[in-house]
Amino acid sequence: ENHAVAKGACLVSHALHLLLESYTRNLPELVRNSSFDWMKLLPGASTFKAAPLLVQRRILSCLSSILKTCEQFSKSSTLGAIDTVLEIMVSTHDRVVYNLCRKVATGLLLPVLESRSGGGHDSESLTF
């Protein structure tokens, strides 16, 4: 019974993140104008690592889409998320999860680094 519940939760999570990605593509202004802290979609690293790869990839893909749509996140949200993303990134053995983590980490850090440098940046120097 626990296995069936876990499988159902994975499917619901996968569908939710697909729906959110659809919103970012089709109604970006809705996502951009939302007051929701989108980084709360990222669970803690230990919970994330226990999830099936399908769910891990979908969460990161969704966050990557949201980062492309939204320009800024709160400092506390960014700092909390970057710690988690980097922890996941260095511990994963899945290449897709690693690359998605890299995209999300870059998306989180780039606005912070640009604001500190006065807006100009060389994106080549910010690769991981």
C-alpha atoms as a PDB file:
ATOM      1  CA  GLU A   1       0.000   0.000   0.000  1.00  0.00           C
ATOM      2  CA  ASN A   2       2.851   2.444   0.794  1.00  0.00           C
ATOM      3  CA  HIS A   3       4.365   1.761  -2.611  1.00  0.00           C
ATOM      4  CA  ALA A   4       1.082   2.616  -4.335  1.00  0.00           C
ATOM      5  CA  VAL A   5       0.784   5.852  -2.340  1.00  0.00           C
ATOM      6  CA  ALA A   6       4.370   6.832  -3.186  1.00  0.00           C
ATOM      7  CA  LYS A   7       3.802   6.060  -6.857  1.00  0.00           C
ATOM      8  CA  GLY A   8       0.626   8.153  -6.851  1.00  0.00           C
ATOM      9  CA  ALA A   9       2.426  11.049  -5.158  1.00  0.00           C
ATOM     10  CA  CYS A  10       5.150  10.914  -7.822  1.00  0.00           C
ATOM     11  CA  LEU A  11       2.587  11.055 -10.606  1.00  0.00           C
ATOM     12  CA  VAL A  12       0.780  13.988  -8.978  1.00  0.00           C
ATOM     13  CA  SER A  13       4.073  15.846  -8.497  1.00  0.00           C
ATOM     14  CA  HIS A  14       5.063  15.189 -12.097  1.00  0.00           C
ATOM     15  CA  ALA A  15       1.688  16.444 -13.372  1.00  0.00           C
ATOM     16  CA  LEU A  16       1.802  19.542 -11.140  1.00  0.00           C
ATOM     17  CA  HIS A  17       5.227  20.535 -12.413  1.00  0.00           C
ATOM     18  CA  LEU A  18       4.152  19.929 -16.025  1.00  0.00           C
ATOM     19  CA  LEU A  19       1.187  22.224 -15.434  1.00  0.00           C
ATOM     20  CA  LEU A  20       3.416  24.933 -13.946  1.00  0.00           C
ATOM     21  CA  GLU A  21       5.790  24.680 -16.902  1.00  0.00           C
ATOM     22  CA  SER A  22       2.804  25.087 -19.202  1.00  0.00           C
ATOM     23  CA  TYR A  23       1.811  28.258 -17.330  1.00  0.00           C
ATOM     24  CA  THR A  24       5.316  29.687 -17.744  1.00  0.00           C
ATOM     25  CA  ARG A  25       5.157  29.106 -21.503  1.00  0.00           C
ATOM     26  CA  ASN A  26       1.561  30.132 -22.144  1.00  0.00           C
ATOM     27  CA  LEU A  27       0.822  32.705 -19.421  1.00  0.00           C
ATOM     28  CA  PRO A  28       4.220  34.112 -18.414  1.00  0.00           C
ATOM     29  CA  GLU A  29       2.700  37.311 -17.016  1.00  0.00           C
ATOM     30  CA  LEU A  30       0.684  35.224 -14.547  1.00  0.00           C
ATOM     31  CA  VAL A  31       3.865  33.598 -13.256  1.00  0.00           C
ATOM     32  CA  ARG A  32       5.823  36.866 -13.328  1.00  0.00           C
ATOM     33  CA  ASN A  33       3.158  38.781 -11.380  1.00  0.00           C
ATOM     34  CA  SER A  34       2.603  36.069  -8.791  1.00  0.00           C
ATOM     35  CA  SER A  35       3.693  36.723  -5.223  1.00  0.00           C
ATOM     36  CA  PHE A  36       4.352  33.014  -4.680  1.00  0.00           C
ATOM     37  CA  ASP A  37       7.913  32.084  -3.702  1.00  0.00           C
ATOM     38  CA  TRP A  38       8.618  29.688  -6.567  1.00  0.00           C
ATOM     39  CA  MET A  39      11.741  28.321  -4.904  1.00  0.00           C
ATOM     40  CA  LYS A  40       9.475  26.637  -2.354  1.00  0.00           C
ATOM     41  CA  LEU A  41       8.825  24.085  -5.094  1.00  0.00           C
ATOM     42  CA  LEU A  42      12.331  22.779  -4.445  1.00  0.00           C
ATOM     43  CA  PRO A  43      12.281  20.378  -1.489  1.00  0.00           C
ATOM     44  CA  GLY A  44      15.265  19.904   0.791  1.00  0.00           C
ATOM     45  CA  ALA A  45      18.198  18.031  -0.705  1.00  0.00           C
ATOM     46  CA  SER A  46      17.585  14.772   1.192  1.00  0.00           C
ATOM     47  CA  THR A  47      13.910  14.684   0.174  1.00  0.00           C
ATOM     48  CA  PHE A  48      14.820  15.593  -3.402  1.00  0.00           C
ATOM     49  CA  LYS A  49      17.464  12.856  -3.652  1.00  0.00           C
ATOM     50  CA  ALA A  50      14.970  10.250  -2.383  1.00  0.00           C
ATOM     51  CA  ALA A  51      12.512  11.084  -5.191  1.00  0.00           C
ATOM     52  CA  PRO A  52      12.499   9.090  -8.431  1.00  0.00           C
ATOM     53  CA  LEU A  53      14.588  10.524 -11.280  1.00  0.00           C
ATOM     54  CA  LEU A  54      11.460  11.428 -13.253  1.00  0.00           C
ATOM     55  CA  VAL A  55      10.309  13.709 -10.425  1.00  0.00           C
ATOM     56  CA  GLN A  56      13.798  15.150  -9.856  1.00  0.00           C
ATOM     57  CA  ARG A  57      14.111  16.061 -13.513  1.00  0.00           C
ATOM     58  CA  ARG A  58      10.606  17.522 -13.695  1.00  0.00           C
ATOM     59  CA  ILE A  59      11.126  19.719 -10.601  1.00  0.00           C
ATOM     60  CA  LEU A  60      14.387  21.112 -11.949  1.00  0.00           C
ATOM     61  CA  SER A  61      12.989  21.588 -15.450  1.00  0.00           C
ATOM     62  CA  CYS A  62      10.027  23.464 -13.987  1.00  0.00           C
ATOM     63  CA  LEU A  63      12.282  25.712 -11.884  1.00  0.00           C
ATOM     64  CA  SER A  64      14.467  26.385 -14.909  1.00  0.00           C
ATOM     65  CA  SER A  65      11.400  27.497 -16.900  1.00  0.00           C
ATOM     66  CA  ILE A  66      10.241  29.722 -14.043  1.00  0.00           C
ATOM     67  CA  LEU A  67      13.702  31.286 -13.755  1.00  0.00           C
ATOM     68  CA  LYS A  68      13.603  32.188 -17.461  1.00  0.00           C
ATOM     69  CA  THR A  69      10.227  33.857 -16.961  1.00  0.00           C
ATOM     70  CA  CYS A  70      10.818  35.700 -13.679  1.00  0.00           C
ATOM     71  CA  GLU A  71      13.563  38.267 -13.396  1.00  0.00           C
ATOM     72  CA  GLN A  72      14.117  38.414  -9.657  1.00  0.00           C
ATOM     73  CA  PHE A  73      13.653  36.336  -6.542  1.00  0.00           C
ATOM     74  CA  SER A  74      14.041  37.394  -2.943  1.00  0.00           C
ATOM     75  CA  LYS A  75      17.558  37.197  -1.544  1.00  0.00           C
ATOM     76  CA  SER A  76      16.556  34.706   1.164  1.00  0.00           C
ATOM     77  CA  SER A  77      14.774  32.515  -1.391  1.00  0.00           C
ATOM     78  CA  THR A  78      17.778  32.591  -3.722  1.00  0.00           C
ATOM     79  CA  LEU A  79      20.311  31.781  -0.998  1.00  0.00           C
ATOM     80  CA  GLY A  80      18.265  28.886   0.357  1.00  0.00           C
ATOM     81  CA  ALA A  81      17.667  27.438  -3.089  1.00  0.00           C
ATOM     82  CA  ILE A  82      21.264  27.781  -4.267  1.00  0.00           C
ATOM     83  CA  ASP A  83      22.534  25.785  -1.276  1.00  0.00           C
ATOM     84  CA  THR A  84      20.080  22.997  -2.060  1.00  0.00           C
ATOM     85  CA  VAL A  85      20.738  23.034  -5.801  1.00  0.00           C
ATOM     86  CA  LEU A  86      24.513  22.885  -5.325  1.00  0.00           C
ATOM     87  CA  GLU A  87      24.197  20.039  -2.811  1.00  0.00           C
ATOM     88  CA  ILE A  88      22.060  18.089  -5.280  1.00  0.00           C
ATOM     89  CA  MET A  89      24.412  18.948  -8.139  1.00  0.00           C
ATOM     90  CA  VAL A  90      27.543  17.612  -6.443  1.00  0.00           C
ATOM     91  CA  SER A  91      25.860  14.437  -5.189  1.00  0.00           C
ATOM     92  CA  THR A  92      23.884  13.285  -8.235  1.00  0.00           C
ATOM     93  CA  HIS A  93      25.051  10.568 -10.575  1.00  0.00           C
ATOM     94  CA  ASP A  94      22.469  11.451 -13.206  1.00  0.00           C
ATOM     95  CA  ARG A  95      23.818  13.652 -16.005  1.00  0.00           C
ATOM     96  CA  VAL A  96      20.427  15.206 -16.780  1.00  0.00           C
ATOM     97  CA  VAL A  97      19.865  16.186 -13.133  1.00  0.00           C
ATOM     98  CA  TYR A  98      23.403  17.589 -12.982  1.00  0.00           C
ATOM     99  CA  ASN A  99      22.868  19.725 -16.112  1.00  0.00           C
ATOM    100  CA  LEU A 100      19.475  20.953 -14.908  1.00  0.00           C
ATOM    101  CA  CYS A 101      21.013  21.858 -11.534  1.00  0.00           C
ATOM    102  CA  ARG A 102      23.689  23.807 -13.363  1.00  0.00           C
ATOM    103  CA  LYS A 103      21.021  25.712 -15.328  1.00  0.00           C
ATOM    104  CA  VAL A 104      19.018  26.486 -12.194  1.00  0.00           C
ATOM    105  CA  ALA A 105      22.114  27.522 -10.206  1.00  0.00           C
ATOM    106  CA  THR A 106      23.234  29.828 -13.017  1.00  0.00           C
ATOM    107  CA  GLY A 107      19.714  31.259 -13.288  1.00  0.00           C
ATOM    108  CA  LEU A 108      19.689  31.975  -9.556  1.00  0.00           C
ATOM    109  CA  LEU A 109      23.176  33.440  -9.387  1.00  0.00           C
ATOM    110  CA  LEU A 110      23.265  35.503 -12.566  1.00  0.00           C
ATOM    111  CA  PRO A 111      20.863  38.256 -11.370  1.00  0.00           C
ATOM    112  CA  VAL A 112      22.734  38.501  -8.054  1.00  0.00           C
ATOM    113  CA  LEU A 113      26.098  38.780  -9.782  1.00  0.00           C
ATOM    114  CA  GLU A 114      24.764  41.277 -12.335  1.00  0.00           C
ATOM    115  CA  SER A 115      23.362  43.496  -9.588  1.00  0.00           C
ATOM    116  CA  ARG A 116      26.750  43.544  -7.860  1.00  0.00           C
ATOM    117  CA  SER A 117      28.673  44.323 -11.033  1.00  0.00           C
ATOM    118  CA  GLY A 118      26.407  47.127 -12.213  1.00  0.00           C
ATOM    119  CA  GLY A 119      24.531  45.119 -14.825  1.00  0.00           C
ATOM    120  CA  GLY A 120      27.294  44.209 -17.256  1.00  0.00           C
ATOM    121  CA  HIS A 121      28.397  40.611 -17.327  1.00  0.00           C
ATOM    122  CA  ASP A 122      30.306  38.134 -19.340  1.00  0.00           C
ATOM    123  CA  SER A 123      28.150  35.000 -19.263  1.00  0.00           C
ATOM    124  CA  GLU A 124      31.093  32.880 -20.382  1.00  0.00           C
ATOM    125  CA  SER A 125      32.870  33.558 -17.118  1.00  0.00           C
ATOM    126  CA  LEU A 126      29.876  32.336 -15.097  1.00  0.00           C
ATOM    127  CA  THR A 127      29.752  28.741 -16.324  1.00  0.00           C
ATOM    128  CA  PHE A 128      30.216  25.882 -13.884  1.00  0.00           C
END
